[in-house]
PDB file of N, CA and C in Angstrom:
ATOM      1  N   MET A   1       8.177 -24.619 -57.516  1.00  0.00           N
ATOM      2  CA  MET A   1       9.336 -24.745 -56.663  1.00  0.00           C
ATOM      3  C   MET A   1      10.079 -26.020 -57.029  1.00  0.00           C
ATOM      4  N   MET A   2      11.390 -25.963 -57.050  1.00  0.00           N
ATOM      5  CA  MET A   2      12.210 -27.093 -57.448  1.00  0.00           C
ATOM      6  C   MET A   2      12.647 -27.854 -56.211  1.00  0.00           C
ATOM      7  N   HIS A   3      12.339 -29.143 -56.139  1.00  0.00           N
ATOM      8  CA  HIS A   3      12.775 -29.979 -55.029  1.00  0.00           C
ATOM      9  C   HIS A   3      13.918 -30.852 -55.518  1.00  0.00           C
ATOM     10  N   LEU A   4      15.064 -30.711 -54.869  1.00  0.00           N
ATOM     11  CA  LEU A   4      16.246 -31.428 -55.318  1.00  0.00           C
ATOM     12  C   LEU A   4      16.673 -32.463 -54.295  1.00  0.00           C
ATOM     13  N   PRO A   5      17.038 -33.654 -54.750  1.00  0.00           N
ATOM     14  CA  PRO A   5      17.669 -34.600 -53.842  1.00  0.00           C
ATOM     15  C   PRO A   5      19.079 -34.097 -53.569  1.00  0.00           C
ATOM     16  N   VAL A   6      19.436 -33.989 -52.308  1.00  0.00           N
ATOM     17  CA  VAL A   6      20.705 -33.364 -51.969  1.00  0.00           C
ATOM     18  C   VAL A   6      21.497 -34.250 -51.019  1.00  0.00           C
ATOM     19  N   ASP A   7      22.770 -34.413 -51.303  1.00  0.00           N
ATOM     20  CA  ASP A   7      23.694 -35.063 -50.386  1.00  0.00           C
ATOM     21  C   ASP A   7      23.800 -34.146 -49.171  1.00  0.00           C
ATOM     22  N   ARG A   8      23.450 -34.655 -47.996  1.00  0.00           N
ATOM     23  CA  ARG A   8      23.421 -33.835 -46.786  1.00  0.00           C
ATOM     24  C   ARG A   8      24.771 -33.212 -46.462  1.00  0.00           C
ATOM     25  N   SER A   9      25.874 -33.805 -46.939  1.00  0.00           N
ATOM     26  CA  SER A   9      27.187 -33.229 -46.660  1.00  0.00           C
ATOM     27  C   SER A   9      27.351 -31.885 -47.366  1.00  0.00           C
ATOM     28  N   LEU A  10      26.554 -31.654 -48.417  1.00  0.00           N
ATOM     29  CA  LEU A  10      26.619 -30.374 -49.117  1.00  0.00           C
ATOM     30  C   LEU A  10      25.688 -29.359 -48.471  1.00  0.00           C
ATOM     31  N   GLY A  11      24.580 -29.826 -47.900  1.00  0.00           N
ATOM     32  CA  GLY A  11      23.671 -29.006 -47.125  1.00  0.00           C
ATOM     33  C   GLY A  11      23.142 -27.775 -47.829  1.00  0.00           C
ATOM     34  N   ASN A  12      22.828 -26.781 -47.016  1.00  0.00           N
ATOM     35  CA  ASN A  12      22.211 -25.555 -47.515  1.00  0.00           C
ATOM     36  C   ASN A  12      23.122 -24.777 -48.445  1.00  0.00           C
ATOM     37  N   GLU A  13      24.430 -24.913 -48.292  1.00  0.00           N
ATOM     38  CA  GLU A  13      25.377 -24.225 -49.172  1.00  0.00           C
ATOM     39  C   GLU A  13      25.130 -24.638 -50.620  1.00  0.00           C
ATOM     40  N   PHE A  14      24.890 -25.918 -50.833  1.00  0.00           N
ATOM     41  CA  PHE A  14      24.623 -26.467 -52.160  1.00  0.00           C
ATOM     42  C   PHE A  14      23.363 -25.841 -52.753  1.00  0.00           C
ATOM     43  N   LEU A  15      22.275 -25.832 -51.964  1.00  0.00           N
ATOM     44  CA  LEU A  15      21.020 -25.264 -52.439  1.00  0.00           C
ATOM     45  C   LEU A  15      21.143 -23.769 -52.682  1.00  0.00           C
ATOM     46  N   SER A  16      21.869 -23.069 -51.831  1.00  0.00           N
ATOM     47  CA  SER A  16      22.066 -21.628 -52.001  1.00  0.00           C
ATOM     48  C   SER A  16      22.802 -21.328 -53.298  1.00  0.00           C
ATOM     49  N   LYS A  17      23.799 -22.148 -53.630  1.00  0.00           N
ATOM     50  CA  LYS A  17      24.539 -21.942 -54.873  1.00  0.00           C
ATOM     51  C   LYS A  17      23.646 -22.158 -56.078  1.00  0.00           C
ATOM     52  N   ILE A  18      22.800 -23.192 -56.023  1.00  0.00           N
ATOM     53  CA  ILE A  18      21.887 -23.453 -57.138  1.00  0.00           C
ATOM     54  C   ILE A  18      20.942 -22.277 -57.307  1.00  0.00           C
ATOM     55  N   TYR A  19      20.379 -21.788 -56.201  1.00  0.00           N
ATOM     56  CA  TYR A  19      19.448 -20.655 -56.268  1.00  0.00           C
ATOM     57  C   TYR A  19      20.155 -19.424 -56.840  1.00  0.00           C
ATOM     58  N   ALA A  20      21.350 -19.139 -56.349  1.00  0.00           N
ATOM     59  CA  ALA A  20      22.090 -17.963 -56.827  1.00  0.00           C
ATOM     60  C   ALA A  20      22.385 -18.081 -58.321  1.00  0.00           C
ATOM     61  N   LYS A  21      22.730 -19.274 -58.787  1.00  0.00           N
ATOM     62  CA  LYS A  21      23.026 -19.469 -60.201  1.00  0.00           C
ATOM     63  C   LYS A  21      21.766 -19.331 -61.050  1.00  0.00           C
ATOM     64  N   GLN A  22      20.625 -19.807 -60.530  1.00  0.00           N
ATOM     65  CA  GLN A  22      19.368 -19.636 -61.255  1.00  0.00           C
ATOM     66  C   GLN A  22      19.039 -18.157 -61.406  1.00  0.00           C
ATOM     67  N   ILE A  23      19.204 -17.400 -60.334  1.00  0.00           N
ATOM     68  CA  ILE A  23      18.934 -15.964 -60.383  1.00  0.00           C
ATOM     69  C   ILE A  23      19.862 -15.304 -61.397  1.00  0.00           C
ATOM     70  N   ALA A  24      21.138 -15.661 -61.356  1.00  0.00           N
ATOM     71  CA  ALA A  24      22.107 -15.064 -62.281  1.00  0.00           C
ATOM     72  C   ALA A  24      21.771 -15.418 -63.726  1.00  0.00           C
ATOM     73  N   MET A  25      21.370 -16.659 -63.969  1.00  0.00           N
ATOM     74  CA  MET A  25      21.086 -17.089 -65.337  1.00  0.00           C
ATOM     75  C   MET A  25      19.845 -16.433 -65.908  1.00  0.00           C
ATOM     76  N   CYS A  26      18.831 -16.200 -65.067  1.00  0.00           N
ATOM     77  CA  CYS A  26      17.621 -15.592 -65.614  1.00  0.00           C
ATOM     78  C   CYS A  26      17.748 -14.078 -65.677  1.00  0.00           C
ATOM     79  N   GLY A  27      18.783 -13.529 -65.012  1.00  0.00           N
ATOM     80  CA  GLY A  27      19.012 -12.095 -65.076  1.00  0.00           C
ATOM     81  C   GLY A  27      17.969 -11.294 -64.333  1.00  0.00           C
ATOM     82  N   CYS A  28      17.429 -11.868 -63.247  1.00  0.00           N
ATOM     83  CA  CYS A  28      16.321 -11.192 -62.575  1.00  0.00           C
ATOM     84  C   CYS A  28      16.662 -10.727 -61.165  1.00  0.00           C
ATOM     85  N   SER A  29      17.918 -10.638 -60.802  1.00  0.00           N
ATOM     86  CA  SER A  29      18.256 -10.178 -59.455  1.00  0.00           C
ATOM     87  C   SER A  29      18.236  -8.663 -59.382  1.00  0.00           C
ATOM     88  N   MET A  30      17.708  -8.156 -58.304  1.00  0.00           N
ATOM     89  CA  MET A  30      17.722  -6.730 -57.983  1.00  0.00           C
ATOM     90  C   MET A  30      17.137  -5.868 -59.103  1.00  0.00           C
ATOM     91  N   GLY A  31      16.221  -6.419 -59.870  1.00  0.00           N
ATOM     92  CA  GLY A  31      15.567  -5.640 -60.908  1.00  0.00           C
ATOM     93  C   GLY A  31      16.417  -5.378 -62.131  1.00  0.00           C
ATOM     94  N   ASN A  32      17.654  -5.846 -62.129  1.00  0.00           N
ATOM     95  CA  ASN A  32      18.532  -5.657 -63.285  1.00  0.00           C
ATOM     96  C   ASN A  32      18.278  -6.765 -64.292  1.00  0.00           C
ATOM     97  N   VAL A  33      17.965  -6.403 -65.494  1.00  0.00           N
ATOM     98  CA  VAL A  33      17.748  -7.397 -66.542  1.00  0.00           C
ATOM     99  C   VAL A  33      19.035  -7.512 -67.336  1.00  0.00           C
ATOM    100  N   LYS A  34      19.575  -8.723 -67.359  1.00  0.00           N
ATOM    101  CA  LYS A  34      20.812  -8.953 -68.111  1.00  0.00           C
ATOM    102  C   LYS A  34      20.489  -9.111 -69.588  1.00  0.00           C
ATOM    103  N   GLU A  35      21.465  -8.747 -70.395  1.00  0.00           N
ATOM    104  CA  GLU A  35      21.329  -8.951 -71.831  1.00  0.00           C
ATOM    105  C   GLU A  35      21.261 -10.445 -72.093  1.00  0.00           C
ATOM    106  N   LYS A  36      20.377 -10.847 -72.980  1.00  0.00           N
ATOM    107  CA  LYS A  36      20.187 -12.268 -73.255  1.00  0.00           C
ATOM    108  C   LYS A  36      20.609 -12.591 -74.681  1.00  0.00           C
ATOM    109  N   VAL A  37      20.904 -13.849 -74.898  1.00  0.00           N
ATOM    110  CA  VAL A  37      21.255 -14.375 -76.211  1.00  0.00           C
ATOM    111  C   VAL A  37      20.219 -15.432 -76.561  1.00  0.00           C
ATOM    112  N   ARG A  38      19.664 -15.361 -77.748  1.00  0.00           N
ATOM    113  CA  ARG A  38      18.700 -16.363 -78.183  1.00  0.00           C
ATOM    114  C   ARG A  38      19.450 -17.521 -78.825  1.00  0.00           C
ATOM    115  N   LEU A  39      19.111 -18.721 -78.409  1.00  0.00           N
ATOM    116  CA  LEU A  39      19.715 -19.919 -78.972  1.00  0.00           C
ATOM    117  C   LEU A  39      18.668 -20.703 -79.745  1.00  0.00           C
ATOM    118  N   SER A  40      19.114 -21.366 -80.773  1.00  0.00           N
ATOM    119  CA  SER A  40      18.273 -22.294 -81.514  1.00  0.00           C
ATOM    120  C   SER A  40      18.830 -23.683 -81.222  1.00  0.00           C
ATOM    121  N   LEU A  41      17.968 -24.581 -80.786  1.00  0.00           N
ATOM    122  CA  LEU A  41      18.424 -25.885 -80.326  1.00  0.00           C
ATOM    123  C   LEU A  41      17.624 -26.982 -81.006  1.00  0.00           C
ATOM    124  N   ASP A  42      18.307 -27.901 -81.656  1.00  0.00           N
ATOM    125  CA  ASP A  42      17.645 -29.056 -82.263  1.00  0.00           C
ATOM    126  C   ASP A  42      17.699 -30.215 -81.278  1.00  0.00           C
ATOM    127  N   VAL A  43      16.525 -30.762 -80.954  1.00  0.00           N
ATOM    128  CA  VAL A  43      16.450 -31.904 -80.043  1.00  0.00           C
ATOM    129  C   VAL A  43      15.540 -32.961 -80.657  1.00  0.00           C
ATOM    130  N   SER A  44      15.668 -34.169 -80.154  1.00  0.00           N
ATOM    131  CA  SER A  44      14.803 -35.243 -80.625  1.00  0.00           C
ATOM    132  C   SER A  44      13.380 -35.013 -80.106  1.00  0.00           C
ATOM    133  N   LEU A  45      12.431 -35.701 -80.708  1.00  0.00           N
ATOM    134  CA  LEU A  45      11.046 -35.617 -80.234  1.00  0.00           C
ATOM    135  C   LEU A  45      10.942 -36.071 -78.781  1.00  0.00           C
ATOM    136  N   GLU A  46      11.720 -37.094 -78.427  1.00  0.00           N
ATOM    137  CA  GLU A  46      11.686 -37.615 -77.059  1.00  0.00           C
ATOM    138  C   GLU A  46      12.218 -36.585 -76.066  1.00  0.00           C
ATOM    139  N   LEU A  47      13.319 -35.933 -76.408  1.00  0.00           N
ATOM    140  CA  LEU A  47      13.885 -34.924 -75.507  1.00  0.00           C
ATOM    141  C   LEU A  47      12.943 -33.732 -75.390  1.00  0.00           C
ATOM    142  N   ASN A  48      12.314 -33.335 -76.483  1.00  0.00           N
ATOM    143  CA  ASN A  48      11.349 -32.252 -76.428  1.00  0.00           C
ATOM    144  C   ASN A  48      10.190 -32.613 -75.495  1.00  0.00           C
ATOM    145  N   GLN A  49       9.720 -33.854 -75.582  1.00  0.00           N
ATOM    146  CA  GLN A  49       8.630 -34.298 -74.709  1.00  0.00           C
ATOM    147  C   GLN A  49       9.070 -34.277 -73.248  1.00  0.00           C
ATOM    148  N   THR A  50      10.312 -34.687 -72.991  1.00  0.00           N
ATOM    149  CA  THR A  50      10.850 -34.647 -71.635  1.00  0.00           C
ATOM    150  C   THR A  50      10.887 -33.213 -71.121  1.00  0.00           C
ATOM    151  N   LEU A  51      11.348 -32.287 -71.953  1.00  0.00           N
ATOM    152  CA  LEU A  51      11.375 -30.873 -71.565  1.00  0.00           C
ATOM    153  C   LEU A  51       9.970 -30.363 -71.267  1.00  0.00           C
ATOM    154  N   GLU A  52       9.000 -30.724 -72.105  1.00  0.00           N
ATOM    155  CA  GLU A  52       7.621 -30.298 -71.879  1.00  0.00           C
ATOM    156  C   GLU A  52       7.065 -30.881 -70.585  1.00  0.00           C
ATOM    157  N   ASP A  53       7.344 -32.162 -70.337  1.00  0.00           N
ATOM    158  CA  ASP A  53       6.871 -32.813 -69.108  1.00  0.00           C
ATOM    159  C   ASP A  53       7.472 -32.154 -67.874  1.00  0.00           C
ATOM    160  N   LEU A  54       8.781 -31.894 -67.919  1.00  0.00           N
ATOM    161  CA  LEU A  54       9.442 -31.245 -66.780  1.00  0.00           C
ATOM    162  C   LEU A  54       8.928 -29.831 -66.571  1.00  0.00           C
ATOM    163  N   ALA A  55       8.712 -29.104 -67.657  1.00  0.00           N
ATOM    164  CA  ALA A  55       8.188 -27.738 -67.553  1.00  0.00           C
ATOM    165  C   ALA A  55       6.819 -27.757 -66.870  1.00  0.00           C
ATOM    166  N   GLU A  56       6.000 -28.701 -67.237  1.00  0.00           N
ATOM    167  CA  GLU A  56       4.676 -28.814 -66.618  1.00  0.00           C
ATOM    168  C   GLU A  56       4.806 -29.140 -65.127  1.00  0.00           C
ATOM    169  N   LYS A  57       5.705 -30.049 -64.788  1.00  0.00           N
ATOM    170  CA  LYS A  57       5.889 -30.448 -63.383  1.00  0.00           C
ATOM    171  C   LYS A  57       6.372 -29.295 -62.508  1.00  0.00           C
ATOM    172  N   ILE A  58       7.207 -28.410 -63.071  1.00  0.00           N
ATOM    173  CA  ILE A  58       7.718 -27.298 -62.261  1.00  0.00           C
ATOM    174  C   ILE A  58       6.882 -26.034 -62.442  1.00  0.00           C
ATOM    175  N   GLY A  59       5.881 -26.106 -63.307  1.00  0.00           N
ATOM    176  CA  GLY A  59       5.050 -24.938 -63.551  1.00  0.00           C
ATOM    177  C   GLY A  59       5.813 -23.832 -64.254  1.00  0.00           C
ATOM    178  N   GLY A  60       6.682 -24.225 -65.183  1.00  0.00           N
ATOM    179  CA  GLY A  60       7.504 -23.239 -65.880  1.00  0.00           C
ATOM    180  C   GLY A  60       7.551 -23.515 -67.366  1.00  0.00           C
ATOM    181  N   THR A  61       8.610 -23.016 -67.972  1.00  0.00           N
ATOM    182  CA  THR A  61       8.803 -23.170 -69.413  1.00  0.00           C
ATOM    183  C   THR A  61       9.963 -24.125 -69.678  1.00  0.00           C
ATOM    184  N   LYS A  62      10.089 -24.518 -70.946  1.00  0.00           N
ATOM    185  CA  LYS A  62      11.226 -25.356 -71.331  1.00  0.00           C
ATOM    186  C   LYS A  62      12.530 -24.599 -71.110  1.00  0.00           C
ATOM    187  N   SER A  63      12.531 -23.300 -71.336  1.00  0.00           N
ATOM    188  CA  SER A  63      13.734 -22.494 -71.088  1.00  0.00           C
ATOM    189  C   SER A  63      14.117 -22.536 -69.617  1.00  0.00           C
ATOM    190  N   GLU A  64      13.117 -22.455 -68.739  1.00  0.00           N
ATOM    191  CA  GLU A  64      13.404 -22.532 -67.303  1.00  0.00           C
ATOM    192  C   GLU A  64      13.980 -23.897 -66.923  1.00  0.00           C
ATOM    193  N   VAL A  65      13.445 -24.948 -67.527  1.00  0.00           N
ATOM    194  CA  VAL A  65      13.971 -26.295 -67.268  1.00  0.00           C
ATOM    195  C   VAL A  65      15.453 -26.339 -67.640  1.00  0.00           C
ATOM    196  N   LEU A  66      15.798 -25.812 -68.807  1.00  0.00           N
ATOM    197  CA  LEU A  66      17.192 -25.832 -69.255  1.00  0.00           C
ATOM    198  C   LEU A  66      18.072 -24.962 -68.357  1.00  0.00           C
ATOM    199  N   ARG A  67      17.592 -23.775 -67.954  1.00  0.00           N
ATOM    200  CA  ARG A  67      18.383 -22.920 -67.061  1.00  0.00           C
ATOM    201  C   ARG A  67      18.636 -23.610 -65.727  1.00  0.00           C
ATOM    202  N   LYS A  68      17.597 -24.248 -65.174  1.00  0.00           N
ATOM    203  CA  LYS A  68      17.753 -24.939 -63.887  1.00  0.00           C
ATOM    204  C   LYS A  68      18.687 -26.136 -64.025  1.00  0.00           C
ATOM    205  N   ALA A  69      18.587 -26.846 -65.129  1.00  0.00           N
ATOM    206  CA  ALA A  69      19.455 -27.998 -65.360  1.00  0.00           C
ATOM    207  C   ALA A  69      20.916 -27.561 -65.463  1.00  0.00           C
ATOM    208  N   ILE A  70      21.149 -26.456 -66.150  1.00  0.00           N
ATOM    209  CA  ILE A  70      22.515 -25.944 -66.298  1.00  0.00           C
ATOM    210  C   ILE A  70      23.047 -25.466 -64.950  1.00  0.00           C
ATOM    211  N   ALA A  71      22.202 -24.787 -64.171  1.00  0.00           N
ATOM    212  CA  ALA A  71      22.619 -24.323 -62.842  1.00  0.00           C
ATOM    213  C   ALA A  71      22.973 -25.521 -61.949  1.00  0.00           C
ATOM    214  N   LEU A  72      22.147 -26.553 -61.990  1.00  0.00           N
ATOM    215  CA  LEU A  72      22.415 -27.757 -61.204  1.00  0.00           C
ATOM    216  C   LEU A  72      23.703 -28.424 -61.651  1.00  0.00           C
ATOM    217  N   MET A  73      23.907 -28.539 -62.944  1.00  0.00           N
ATOM    218  CA  MET A  73      25.125 -29.161 -63.476  1.00  0.00           C
ATOM    219  C   MET A  73      26.361 -28.378 -63.056  1.00  0.00           C
ATOM    220  N   GLU A  74      26.279 -27.048 -63.126  1.00  0.00           N
ATOM    221  CA  GLU A  74      27.419 -26.219 -62.752  1.00  0.00           C
ATOM    222  C   GLU A  74      27.796 -26.423 -61.285  1.00  0.00           C
ATOM    223  N   VAL A  75      26.800 -26.465 -60.415  1.00  0.00           N
ATOM    224  CA  VAL A  75      27.062 -26.686 -58.988  1.00  0.00           C
ATOM    225  C   VAL A  75      27.607 -28.093 -58.761  1.00  0.00           C
ATOM    226  N   MET A  76      27.080 -29.079 -59.478  1.00  0.00           N
ATOM    227  CA  MET A  76      27.555 -30.451 -59.323  1.00  0.00           C
ATOM    228  C   MET A  76      29.005 -30.588 -59.765  1.00  0.00           C
ATOM    229  N   VAL A  77      29.359 -29.969 -60.877  1.00  0.00           N
ATOM    230  CA  VAL A  77      30.739 -30.033 -61.365  1.00  0.00           C
ATOM    231  C   VAL A  77      31.669 -29.386 -60.339  1.00  0.00           C
ATOM    232  N   GLU A  78      31.264 -28.242 -59.806  1.00  0.00           N
ATOM    233  CA  GLU A  78      32.067 -27.554 -58.793  1.00  0.00           C
ATOM    234  C   GLU A  78      32.244 -28.431 -57.545  1.00  0.00           C
ATOM    235  N   ALA A  79      31.162 -29.072 -57.113  1.00  0.00           N
ATOM    236  CA  ALA A  79      31.237 -29.944 -55.943  1.00  0.00           C
ATOM    237  C   ALA A  79      32.185 -31.116 -56.200  1.00  0.00           C
ATOM    238  N   LYS A  80      32.076 -31.717 -57.374  1.00  0.00           N
ATOM    239  CA  LYS A  80      32.961 -32.835 -57.727  1.00  0.00           C
ATOM    240  C   LYS A  80      34.424 -32.392 -57.758  1.00  0.00           C
ATOM    241  N   GLN A  81      34.680 -31.189 -58.279  1.00  0.00           N
ATOM    242  CA  GLN A  81      36.048 -30.673 -58.319  1.00  0.00           C
ATOM    243  C   GLN A  81      36.600 -30.445 -56.921  1.00  0.00           C
ATOM    244  N   GLN A  82      35.724 -30.230 -55.956  1.00  0.00           N
ATOM    245  CA  GLN A  82      36.130 -30.045 -54.564  1.00  0.00           C
ATOM    246  C   GLN A  82      36.211 -31.382 -53.825  1.00  0.00           C
ATOM    247  N   GLY A  83      36.035 -32.476 -54.552  1.00  0.00           N
ATOM    248  CA  GLY A  83      36.136 -33.804 -53.951  1.00  0.00           C
ATOM    249  C   GLY A  83      34.888 -34.246 -53.209  1.00  0.00           C
ATOM    250  N   LYS A  84      33.772 -33.555 -53.430  1.00  0.00           N
ATOM    251  CA  LYS A  84      32.523 -33.916 -52.765  1.00  0.00           C
ATOM    252  C   LYS A  84      31.761 -34.918 -53.615  1.00  0.00           C
ATOM    253  N   ARG A  85      30.875 -35.644 -52.958  1.00  0.00           N
ATOM    254  CA  ARG A  85      30.016 -36.601 -53.646  1.00  0.00           C
ATOM    255  C   ARG A  85      28.647 -35.970 -53.829  1.00  0.00           C
ATOM    256  N   VAL A  86      28.037 -36.230 -54.967  1.00  0.00           N
ATOM    257  CA  VAL A  86      26.712 -35.713 -55.254  1.00  0.00           C
ATOM    258  C   VAL A  86      25.828 -36.894 -55.617  1.00  0.00           C
ATOM    259  N   GLY A  87      24.622 -36.906 -55.072  1.00  0.00           N
ATOM    260  CA  GLY A  87      23.750 -38.022 -55.380  1.00  0.00           C
ATOM    261  C   GLY A  87      22.361 -37.848 -54.830  1.00  0.00           C
ATOM    262  N   ILE A  88      21.680 -38.969 -54.697  1.00  0.00           N
ATOM    263  CA  ILE A  88      20.306 -39.001 -54.229  1.00  0.00           C
ATOM    264  C   ILE A  88      20.284 -39.762 -52.911  1.00  0.00           C
ATOM    265  N   ALA A  89      19.629 -39.179 -51.941  1.00  0.00           N
ATOM    266  CA  ALA A  89      19.509 -39.823 -50.633  1.00  0.00           C
ATOM    267  C   ALA A  89      18.052 -39.847 -50.229  1.00  0.00           C
ATOM    268  N   ASP A  90      17.680 -40.925 -49.538  1.00  0.00           N
ATOM    269  CA  ASP A  90      16.362 -40.943 -48.935  1.00  0.00           C
ATOM    270  C   ASP A  90      16.371 -39.945 -47.797  1.00  0.00           C
ATOM    271  N   LYS A  91      15.200 -39.475 -47.421  1.00  0.00           N
ATOM    272  CA  LYS A  91      15.099 -38.470 -46.369  1.00  0.00           C
ATOM    273  C   LYS A  91      15.858 -38.934 -45.124  1.00  0.00           C
ATOM    274  N   ASP A  92      16.749 -38.065 -44.650  1.00  0.00           N
ATOM    275  CA  ASP A  92      17.541 -38.301 -43.433  1.00  0.00           C
ATOM    276  C   ASP A  92      18.350 -39.599 -43.483  1.00  0.00           C
ATOM    277  N   GLN A  93      18.812 -39.973 -44.664  1.00  0.00           N
ATOM    278  CA  GLN A  93      19.579 -41.203 -44.830  1.00  0.00           C
ATOM    279  C   GLN A  93      20.878 -40.887 -45.585  1.00  0.00           C
ATOM    280  N   PRO A  94      21.843 -41.799 -45.490  1.00  0.00           N
ATOM    281  CA  PRO A  94      23.073 -41.609 -46.280  1.00  0.00           C
ATOM    282  C   PRO A  94      22.759 -41.720 -47.770  1.00  0.00           C
ATOM    283  N   LEU A  95      23.743 -41.336 -48.549  1.00  0.00           N
ATOM    284  CA  LEU A  95      23.608 -41.348 -49.998  1.00  0.00           C
ATOM    285  C   LEU A  95      23.187 -42.729 -50.478  1.00  0.00           C
ATOM    286  N   ALA A  96      22.077 -42.782 -51.209  1.00  0.00           N
ATOM    287  CA  ALA A  96      21.572 -44.050 -51.741  1.00  0.00           C
ATOM    288  C   ALA A  96      22.123 -44.312 -53.137  1.00  0.00           C
ATOM    289  N   THR A  97      22.214 -43.256 -53.938  1.00  0.00           N
ATOM    290  CA  THR A  97      22.711 -43.359 -55.297  1.00  0.00           C
ATOM    291  C   THR A  97      23.633 -42.188 -55.568  1.00  0.00           C
ATOM    292  N   GLU A  98      24.879 -42.478 -55.932  1.00  0.00           N
ATOM    293  CA  GLU A  98      25.814 -41.419 -56.270  1.00  0.00           C
ATOM    294  C   GLU A  98      25.720 -41.134 -57.755  1.00  0.00           C
ATOM    295  N   ILE A  99      25.743 -39.854 -58.094  1.00  0.00           N
ATOM    296  CA  ILE A  99      25.735 -39.444 -59.500  1.00  0.00           C
ATOM    297  C   ILE A  99      27.172 -39.357 -59.951  1.00  0.00           C
ATOM    298  N   VAL A 100      27.524 -40.151 -60.963  1.00  0.00           N
ATOM    299  CA  VAL A 100      28.898 -40.191 -61.471  1.00  0.00           C
ATOM    300  C   VAL A 100      28.903 -39.777 -62.932  1.00  0.00           C
ATOM    301  N   GLY A 101      30.080 -39.518 -63.454  1.00  0.00           N
ATOM    302  CA  GLY A 101      30.208 -39.184 -64.857  1.00  0.00           C
ATOM    303  C   GLY A 101      29.964 -37.714 -65.152  1.00  0.00           C
ATOM    304  N   ILE A 102      29.942 -36.908 -64.144  1.00  0.00           N
ATOM    305  CA  ILE A 102      29.717 -35.462 -64.322  1.00  0.00           C
ATOM    306  C   ILE A 102      31.068 -34.781 -64.283  1.00  0.00           C
TER     307      ILE A 102
END
């Protein structure tokens, strides 16, 4: 299960969008399998290790890590375009760190 730090102003709508995008990206909604494209990706040894570490932490694969990262980025870009702030907050606290440059 993926635990995300969420700006409370985005609330459940934000998490729902991420979940919906993950489902759409993996092509596993309603039993319909979407056609997939295989990509070949060159990464540094350090980035590969990061992908492996994250995959282990979420109990998934490197492909799942990349799909979740892309889904999160897509939702963040959309939120920023709507003038919302995205960042990391301590539990039940205001935004502690804003994510910029997205």
